[in-house]
Amino acid sequence: MRNNLILIASADRNWGLGKDNKLLKRIPEDLKRFSDLTRGNVIIVGRKTLESFKDKKPLPDRINIVLTRDKGYRCEDAIIVHSIDELFHEIEKFDKKVFVCGGETIYKQLLSYCELALITQIDEEYEADTYLVNLEENRQWKKTVAEEWQESSAGVRFRYVEYIKAEHNK
């Protein structure tokens, strides 16, 4: 099984991801970065995350894989899988980067298979109902990059932070 997946997420100070199946804050610059990074590659999402996309359709110019327990779930232009084994069987078919794009359950299930985490850190606390594991407190992860804080065109203060899986835990 591959262990070089890339987690990509936007989280607030409390590692909150979203509320009511929506992002906590839409940051245009971050959405563009997400698009630039994932385009031409594979993304793994849960059913609820896919249904939060525009028109509940897979993102264009990417291979969209949906990991769901719902055996009856169908989505045109997406690959639907129901287990970790089935997921890895599918991603082995592609010689591309594989991004884990949420939501909370998908992040928890696949964190141990990730080698890199690209986090957009929002300098605010919001009411959230889904959370990412706090990588700052997880000894398996080490912060390697913390860019300068910037102000988005939406008035949100944020920065990009990268974490890698610590070598001694591989």
Protein backbone atom coordinates (compact mmCIF):
# COMPACT_ATOMS: atom_id res chain seq x y z
CA MET A 1 0.00 0.00 0.00
CA ARG A 2 1.16 3.50 -0.75
CA ASN A 3 2.13 5.65 2.19
CA ASN A 4 2.90 8.79 0.22
CA LEU A 5 -0.52 10.40 0.18
CA ILE A 6 -0.78 14.16 0.68
CA LEU A 7 -3.30 15.54 3.13
CA ILE A 8 -4.61 18.96 2.16
CA ALA A 9 -6.93 20.95 4.41
CA SER A 10 -7.93 24.36 5.67
CA ALA A 11 -8.33 24.57 9.45
CA ASP A 12 -8.89 27.22 12.09
CA ARG A 13 -6.91 27.69 15.33
CA ASN A 14 -8.76 24.75 16.92
CA TRP A 15 -8.20 22.53 13.87
CA GLY A 16 -11.84 23.00 12.91
CA LEU A 17 -12.57 22.08 9.30
CA GLY A 18 -16.18 22.91 8.67
CA LYS A 19 -19.74 23.27 9.85
CA ASP A 20 -22.94 21.97 8.27
CA ASN A 21 -20.94 20.42 5.39
CA LYS A 22 -19.39 23.76 4.42
CA LEU A 23 -15.90 25.21 4.81
CA LEU A 24 -15.52 27.47 7.84
CA LYS A 25 -14.29 30.27 5.58
CA ARG A 26 -13.94 30.50 1.83
CA ILE A 27 -10.52 31.97 1.08
CA PRO A 28 -10.27 32.67 -2.66
CA GLU A 29 -6.45 32.50 -2.69
CA ASP A 30 -6.54 29.13 -0.92
CA LEU A 31 -9.20 27.73 -3.27
CA LYS A 32 -6.98 28.71 -6.22
CA ARG A 33 -3.95 27.08 -4.57
CA PHE A 34 -5.97 23.91 -3.92
CA SER A 35 -7.04 23.86 -7.56
CA ASP A 36 -3.48 24.43 -8.82
CA LEU A 37 -2.04 21.69 -6.58
CA THR A 38 -4.67 19.03 -7.21
CA ARG A 39 -5.39 19.60 -10.92
CA GLY A 40 -4.21 16.65 -13.02
CA ASN A 41 -3.89 14.45 -9.95
CA VAL A 42 -6.04 12.14 -7.82
CA ILE A 43 -8.23 13.42 -5.00
CA ILE A 44 -9.86 11.28 -2.33
CA VAL A 45 -13.00 12.61 -0.68
CA GLY A 46 -15.87 11.30 1.34
CA ARG A 47 -19.43 11.36 0.06
CA LYS A 48 -20.42 14.41 2.10
CA THR A 49 -17.38 16.36 0.91
CA LEU A 50 -18.16 15.55 -2.72
CA GLU A 51 -21.75 16.65 -2.15
CA SER A 52 -20.45 20.00 -0.85
CA PHE A 53 -18.86 20.70 -4.27
CA LYS A 54 -20.60 22.87 -6.85
CA ASP A 55 -23.65 21.03 -8.21
CA LYS A 56 -22.58 18.00 -6.11
CA LYS A 57 -20.29 17.01 -8.99
CA PRO A 58 -16.68 15.79 -9.00
CA LEU A 59 -14.03 18.46 -9.42
CA PRO A 60 -12.93 18.86 -13.06
CA ASP A 61 -9.48 17.92 -14.36
CA ARG A 62 -8.87 15.50 -11.48
CA ILE A 63 -9.50 11.85 -10.81
CA ASN A 64 -12.13 11.96 -8.05
CA ILE A 65 -12.30 8.92 -5.78
CA VAL A 66 -15.12 8.83 -3.24
CA LEU A 67 -14.66 6.62 -0.17
CA THR A 68 -18.08 5.86 1.31
CA ARG A 69 -19.78 3.15 3.34
CA ASP A 70 -22.96 3.73 1.29
CA LYS A 71 -22.97 0.70 -1.05
CA GLY A 72 -25.72 2.25 -3.15
CA TYR A 73 -23.96 5.57 -3.72
CA ARG A 74 -23.47 6.53 -7.36
CA CYS A 75 -21.78 9.58 -8.85
CA GLU A 76 -21.10 10.08 -12.53
CA ASP A 77 -17.43 10.81 -13.34
CA ALA A 78 -16.19 9.62 -9.93
CA ILE A 79 -14.71 6.31 -8.80
CA ILE A 80 -16.66 4.98 -5.83
CA VAL A 81 -14.93 2.72 -3.28
CA HIS A 82 -16.18 1.26 -0.01
CA SER A 83 -13.01 0.19 1.83
CA ILE A 84 -9.37 1.14 2.34
CA ASP A 85 -8.30 -1.97 0.40
CA GLU A 86 -10.53 -1.06 -2.52
CA LEU A 87 -9.24 2.53 -2.37
CA PHE A 88 -5.61 1.45 -2.58
CA HIS A 89 -6.41 -0.98 -5.39
CA GLU A 90 -7.77 2.00 -7.37
CA ILE A 91 -5.01 4.51 -6.62
CA GLU A 92 -2.33 2.00 -7.64
CA LYS A 93 -3.65 2.38 -11.19
CA PHE A 94 -2.48 5.99 -11.34
CA ASP A 95 1.07 7.33 -11.45
CA LYS A 96 0.02 10.67 -10.01
CA LYS A 97 0.03 12.54 -6.75
CA VAL A 98 -2.82 11.52 -4.46
CA PHE A 99 -4.44 14.19 -2.27
CA VAL A 100 -6.62 13.38 0.72
CA CYS A 101 -9.21 16.17 0.69
CA GLY A 102 -11.63 15.36 3.49
CA GLY A 103 -13.82 15.35 5.35
CA GLU A 104 -13.06 14.54 8.94
CA THR A 105 -13.66 10.77 8.72
CA ILE A 106 -11.56 10.44 5.55
CA TYR A 107 -8.70 12.40 7.13
CA LYS A 108 -8.76 10.15 10.20
CA GLN A 109 -8.88 6.96 8.13
CA LEU A 110 -6.03 7.97 5.82
CA LEU A 111 -3.71 10.07 8.01
CA SER A 112 -1.37 7.13 8.65
CA TYR A 113 -0.90 6.70 4.86
CA CYS A 114 0.08 10.35 4.35
CA GLU A 115 3.66 11.58 4.22
CA LEU A 116 2.92 15.27 3.79
CA ALA A 117 0.20 17.59 5.14
CA LEU A 118 -0.50 20.92 3.46
CA ILE A 119 -2.51 23.00 5.90
CA THR A 120 -4.02 26.41 5.34
CA GLN A 121 -4.05 27.75 8.86
CA ILE A 122 -6.77 30.31 9.55
CA ASP A 123 -5.92 32.78 12.34
CA GLU A 124 -9.40 32.66 13.85
CA GLU A 125 -11.68 30.37 15.85
CA TYR A 126 -15.02 29.40 14.35
CA GLU A 127 -17.90 27.23 15.42
CA ALA A 128 -17.15 23.88 13.77
CA ASP A 129 -18.66 20.41 13.76
CA THR A 130 -15.77 18.63 12.02
CA TYR A 131 -12.10 18.69 13.01
CA LEU A 132 -8.69 17.63 11.79
CA VAL A 133 -6.24 15.89 14.10
CA ASN A 134 -4.04 18.53 15.72
CA LEU A 135 -0.73 17.91 13.94
CA GLU A 136 1.08 20.27 16.34
CA GLU A 137 0.39 17.83 19.18
CA ASN A 138 0.94 14.66 17.16
CA ARG A 139 4.52 13.41 17.59
CA GLN A 140 4.34 11.56 14.28
CA TRP A 141 4.26 14.91 12.45
CA LYS A 142 6.84 17.67 12.21
CA LYS A 143 6.23 21.21 10.97
CA THR A 144 8.71 21.99 8.20
CA VAL A 145 7.32 25.17 6.66
CA ALA A 146 5.29 28.01 8.14
CA GLU A 147 4.86 30.84 5.69
CA GLU A 148 4.16 34.43 6.69
CA TRP A 149 0.63 35.39 7.66
CA GLN A 150 -1.31 37.08 4.88
CA GLU A 151 -4.67 38.77 4.51
CA SER A 152 -7.03 37.26 1.94
CA SER A 153 -9.23 39.30 -0.36
CA ALA A 154 -12.10 37.99 1.83
CA GLY A 155 -10.53 39.68 4.89
CA VAL A 156 -9.32 36.46 6.51
CA ARG A 157 -5.83 36.18 8.01
CA PHE A 158 -4.17 32.89 7.01
CA ARG A 159 -0.90 31.17 6.22
CA TYR A 160 0.31 27.97 4.59
CA VAL A 161 1.95 25.40 6.85
CA GLU A 162 3.54 22.10 5.84
CA TYR A 163 4.08 19.05 8.01
CA ILE A 164 5.95 15.87 7.18
CA LYS A 165 5.68 12.48 8.78
CA ALA A 166 8.59 12.22 11.18
CA GLU A 167 11.29 9.85 9.88
CA HIS A 168 11.53 7.65 12.97
CA ASN A 169 7.84 6.77 12.66
CA LYS A 170 7.91 5.56 9.06
